[in-house]
């Protein structure tokens, strides 16, 4: 029996994009941000504006050339706005960078080393995305239970040997860059009492 609503090309595609304010903010940023602290400060600003504007959760991630500091793109969480559970900030940033550069591997031949800057340790899904992306460096604001305790977001079953997994794949790790400012953004989000989307936890969850 044929499908009651026929499939066609217009229904079999989807688009992930940044909100208008993020495009404007990207265009206002310097072309290069020299230090991890400068890069993280920009990422934190995007994370904060994202929930203040009601365009997503308090998460942002940026792709930069590690050695020169050239900005490639900064992405923000777009899960609710896009009806896409995988539209986390890291996935947005990595995917947009790959589209802008015309590559599927950010560590491919002839490319500079790319760095991903994130306002906390990536969740279980995004950790996998980092491994497959080709980035050669990961900068995070922090790691630990504080994010989940403050916001209520579920970061999933991240392997306890995640640092070792990064090292084995040649991805350097820089930790605790602007940790306290990052936590301040999460506290502001929690105080706003905005909706927290989480996957269903446990076999009996509805």
Protein backbone atom coordinates (compact mmCIF):
# COMPACT_ATOMS: atom_id res chain seq x y z
CA UNK A 1 0.00 0.00 0.00
CA UNK A 2 1.54 3.38 -0.96
CA UNK A 3 2.54 5.85 1.70
CA UNK A 4 -0.43 8.16 2.46
CA UNK A 5 1.76 11.24 1.99
CA UNK A 6 4.11 10.71 -0.97
CA UNK A 7 7.77 11.48 -0.38
CA UNK A 8 9.41 14.09 -2.57
CA UNK A 9 12.71 15.93 -2.60
CA UNK A 10 11.37 18.93 -0.70
CA UNK A 11 10.44 16.74 2.28
CA UNK A 12 13.63 14.67 2.31
CA UNK A 13 16.11 17.30 3.37
CA UNK A 14 16.70 19.56 6.32
CA UNK A 15 18.71 22.68 7.09
CA UNK A 16 20.63 23.64 10.19
CA UNK A 17 21.49 27.30 10.44
CA UNK A 18 22.46 29.99 12.90
CA UNK A 19 20.03 32.62 14.17
CA UNK A 20 20.29 36.10 12.67
CA UNK A 21 21.92 37.58 15.76
CA UNK A 22 24.76 35.02 15.54
CA UNK A 23 25.48 35.95 11.93
CA UNK A 24 25.70 39.61 12.96
CA UNK A 25 27.96 38.77 15.92
CA UNK A 26 30.26 36.68 13.71
CA UNK A 27 30.64 39.57 11.30
CA UNK A 28 31.50 41.89 14.20
CA UNK A 29 34.29 39.68 15.55
CA UNK A 30 37.96 40.14 14.64
CA UNK A 31 39.22 37.80 11.93
CA UNK A 32 41.80 36.41 14.39
CA UNK A 33 41.66 35.73 18.13
CA UNK A 34 45.18 35.07 19.34
CA UNK A 35 44.76 33.26 22.66
CA UNK A 36 42.58 30.44 24.00
CA UNK A 37 41.12 32.94 26.47
CA UNK A 38 40.06 35.32 23.70
CA UNK A 39 38.51 32.48 21.75
CA UNK A 40 36.67 31.14 24.80
CA UNK A 41 35.40 34.63 25.68
CA UNK A 42 33.78 34.85 22.25
CA UNK A 43 32.27 31.38 22.63
CA UNK A 44 30.87 32.26 26.07
CA UNK A 45 29.27 35.40 24.67
CA UNK A 46 27.53 33.35 21.99
CA UNK A 47 26.32 30.81 24.57
CA UNK A 48 24.89 33.58 26.74
CA UNK A 49 23.16 35.43 23.93
CA UNK A 50 21.71 32.18 22.60
CA UNK A 51 19.49 31.56 25.60
CA UNK A 52 18.90 35.26 26.25
CA UNK A 53 17.45 35.52 22.75
CA UNK A 54 15.46 32.31 23.14
CA UNK A 55 17.21 30.67 20.18
CA UNK A 56 18.68 27.67 22.00
CA UNK A 57 20.44 26.33 25.07
CA UNK A 58 23.46 27.89 26.83
CA UNK A 59 26.03 26.19 24.63
CA UNK A 60 28.41 27.41 21.96
CA UNK A 61 31.49 26.11 20.17
CA UNK A 62 33.97 27.72 17.85
CA UNK A 63 36.33 26.42 15.20
CA UNK A 64 39.61 28.29 14.80
CA UNK A 65 42.94 27.74 13.15
CA UNK A 66 44.92 26.64 16.18
CA UNK A 67 48.21 28.37 15.40
CA UNK A 68 47.07 31.60 13.75
CA UNK A 69 43.83 32.12 15.68
CA UNK A 70 41.87 32.71 12.49
CA UNK A 71 38.16 32.41 13.18
CA UNK A 72 36.36 29.89 11.00
CA UNK A 73 32.93 29.92 12.67
CA UNK A 74 31.12 29.81 16.02
CA UNK A 75 28.02 27.66 16.36
CA UNK A 76 25.32 27.55 19.02
CA UNK A 77 22.83 24.97 20.26
CA UNK A 78 19.82 24.79 17.89
CA UNK A 79 18.00 21.65 19.06
CA UNK A 80 14.57 23.11 19.75
CA UNK A 81 14.61 25.68 16.96
CA UNK A 82 15.59 23.06 14.36
CA UNK A 83 13.56 20.10 15.66
CA UNK A 84 16.84 18.21 15.59
CA UNK A 85 18.19 16.49 18.70
CA UNK A 86 21.72 16.38 17.26
CA UNK A 87 21.94 20.14 16.65
CA UNK A 88 24.28 20.69 19.60
CA UNK A 89 26.77 23.55 19.46
CA UNK A 90 29.73 21.30 18.63
CA UNK A 91 27.87 19.61 15.77
CA UNK A 92 26.79 23.01 14.47
CA UNK A 93 30.31 24.46 14.61
CA UNK A 94 32.03 21.43 13.09
CA UNK A 95 29.44 21.03 10.33
CA UNK A 96 29.42 24.71 9.42
CA UNK A 97 33.23 24.79 9.36
CA UNK A 98 33.30 21.77 7.05
CA UNK A 99 30.76 23.41 4.74
CA UNK A 100 32.60 26.74 4.72
CA UNK A 101 35.93 25.06 3.97
CA UNK A 102 34.48 22.50 1.56
CA UNK A 103 35.90 19.49 3.40
CA UNK A 104 34.60 16.61 5.49
CA UNK A 105 37.88 16.28 7.39
CA UNK A 106 39.16 19.36 9.22
CA UNK A 107 42.51 17.60 9.60
CA UNK A 108 42.93 16.68 5.96
CA UNK A 109 46.07 17.11 3.84
CA UNK A 110 47.18 20.69 3.28
CA UNK A 111 44.92 22.13 5.97
CA UNK A 112 46.12 24.01 9.05
CA UNK A 113 45.50 22.41 12.43
CA UNK A 114 41.97 23.32 13.51
CA UNK A 115 40.91 23.82 17.10
CA UNK A 116 37.46 23.39 18.63
CA UNK A 117 36.68 25.66 21.58
CA UNK A 118 33.67 24.61 23.71
CA UNK A 119 32.14 26.05 26.86
CA UNK A 120 32.35 22.68 28.66
CA UNK A 121 33.50 19.12 27.97
CA UNK A 122 31.47 17.75 25.04
CA UNK A 123 28.54 15.47 25.81
CA UNK A 124 28.52 11.80 24.81
CA UNK A 125 27.26 12.53 21.30
CA UNK A 126 29.48 15.52 20.66
CA UNK A 127 32.56 13.72 21.95
CA UNK A 128 32.12 11.29 19.08
CA UNK A 129 31.66 14.19 16.67
CA UNK A 130 34.95 15.68 17.86
CA UNK A 131 36.79 12.42 17.19
CA UNK A 132 35.46 12.17 13.64
CA UNK A 133 35.80 15.87 12.77
CA UNK A 134 39.53 16.03 12.14
CA UNK A 135 40.21 18.80 14.65
CA UNK A 136 43.66 18.58 16.16
CA UNK A 137 42.95 20.51 19.36
CA UNK A 138 40.11 20.77 21.87
CA UNK A 139 39.80 23.65 24.32
CA UNK A 140 37.17 23.39 27.06
CA UNK A 141 36.05 25.67 29.86
CA UNK A 142 35.84 22.77 32.28
CA UNK A 143 34.90 19.19 33.04
CA UNK A 144 32.95 17.81 35.94
CA UNK A 145 29.45 17.56 37.37
CA UNK A 146 28.86 21.30 37.72
CA UNK A 147 27.19 21.74 34.32
CA UNK A 148 24.63 19.03 35.00
CA UNK A 149 24.13 20.10 38.62
CA UNK A 150 23.53 23.74 37.72
CA UNK A 151 21.44 23.39 34.57
CA UNK A 152 19.84 19.93 34.70
CA UNK A 153 21.14 18.99 31.24
CA UNK A 154 22.11 15.33 30.81
CA UNK A 155 25.56 14.99 29.24
CA UNK A 156 25.21 11.24 28.72
CA UNK A 157 27.58 8.32 29.31
CA UNK A 158 30.90 9.92 28.43
CA UNK A 159 33.69 7.36 28.71
CA UNK A 160 35.85 7.87 31.81
CA UNK A 161 38.94 7.55 29.60
CA UNK A 162 37.90 10.37 27.26
CA UNK A 163 41.20 12.19 27.74
CA UNK A 164 43.10 9.06 26.71
CA UNK A 165 40.88 8.63 23.65
CA UNK A 166 41.69 12.18 22.54
CA UNK A 167 45.41 11.66 23.05
CA UNK A 168 45.41 8.40 21.12
CA UNK A 169 43.91 10.22 18.15
CA UNK A 170 46.39 13.07 18.27
CA UNK A 171 43.94 15.65 19.60
CA UNK A 172 45.54 17.92 22.17
CA UNK A 173 43.41 19.00 25.14
CA UNK A 174 43.46 22.37 26.87
CA UNK A 175 41.29 22.49 30.00
CA UNK A 176 39.85 25.05 32.43
CA UNK A 177 39.95 28.07 30.14
CA UNK A 178 37.65 30.71 31.71
CA UNK A 179 36.02 28.05 33.87
CA UNK A 180 34.35 30.43 36.33
CA UNK A 181 32.89 32.72 33.64
CA UNK A 182 31.50 29.62 31.93
CA UNK A 183 29.84 28.49 35.15
CA UNK A 184 28.41 31.99 35.58
CA UNK A 185 26.66 31.64 32.21
CA UNK A 186 25.15 28.32 33.30
CA UNK A 187 23.94 29.86 36.55
CA UNK A 188 22.30 32.69 34.63
CA UNK A 189 20.59 30.14 32.40
CA UNK A 190 19.37 28.15 35.41
CA UNK A 191 17.97 31.32 36.99
CA UNK A 192 16.02 32.02 33.80
CA UNK A 193 14.11 28.74 34.31
CA UNK A 194 14.04 27.99 30.60
CA UNK A 195 13.12 24.59 29.23
CA UNK A 196 15.82 21.90 29.47
CA UNK A 197 15.65 19.23 26.77
CA UNK A 198 17.08 15.83 27.69
CA UNK A 199 16.89 12.40 26.11
CA UNK A 200 14.70 9.88 27.92
CA UNK A 201 16.73 8.38 30.73
CA UNK A 202 16.23 4.71 31.58
CA UNK A 203 14.29 1.89 30.01
CA UNK A 204 11.07 2.79 31.86
CA UNK A 205 11.11 6.48 31.01
CA UNK A 206 8.10 7.68 29.07
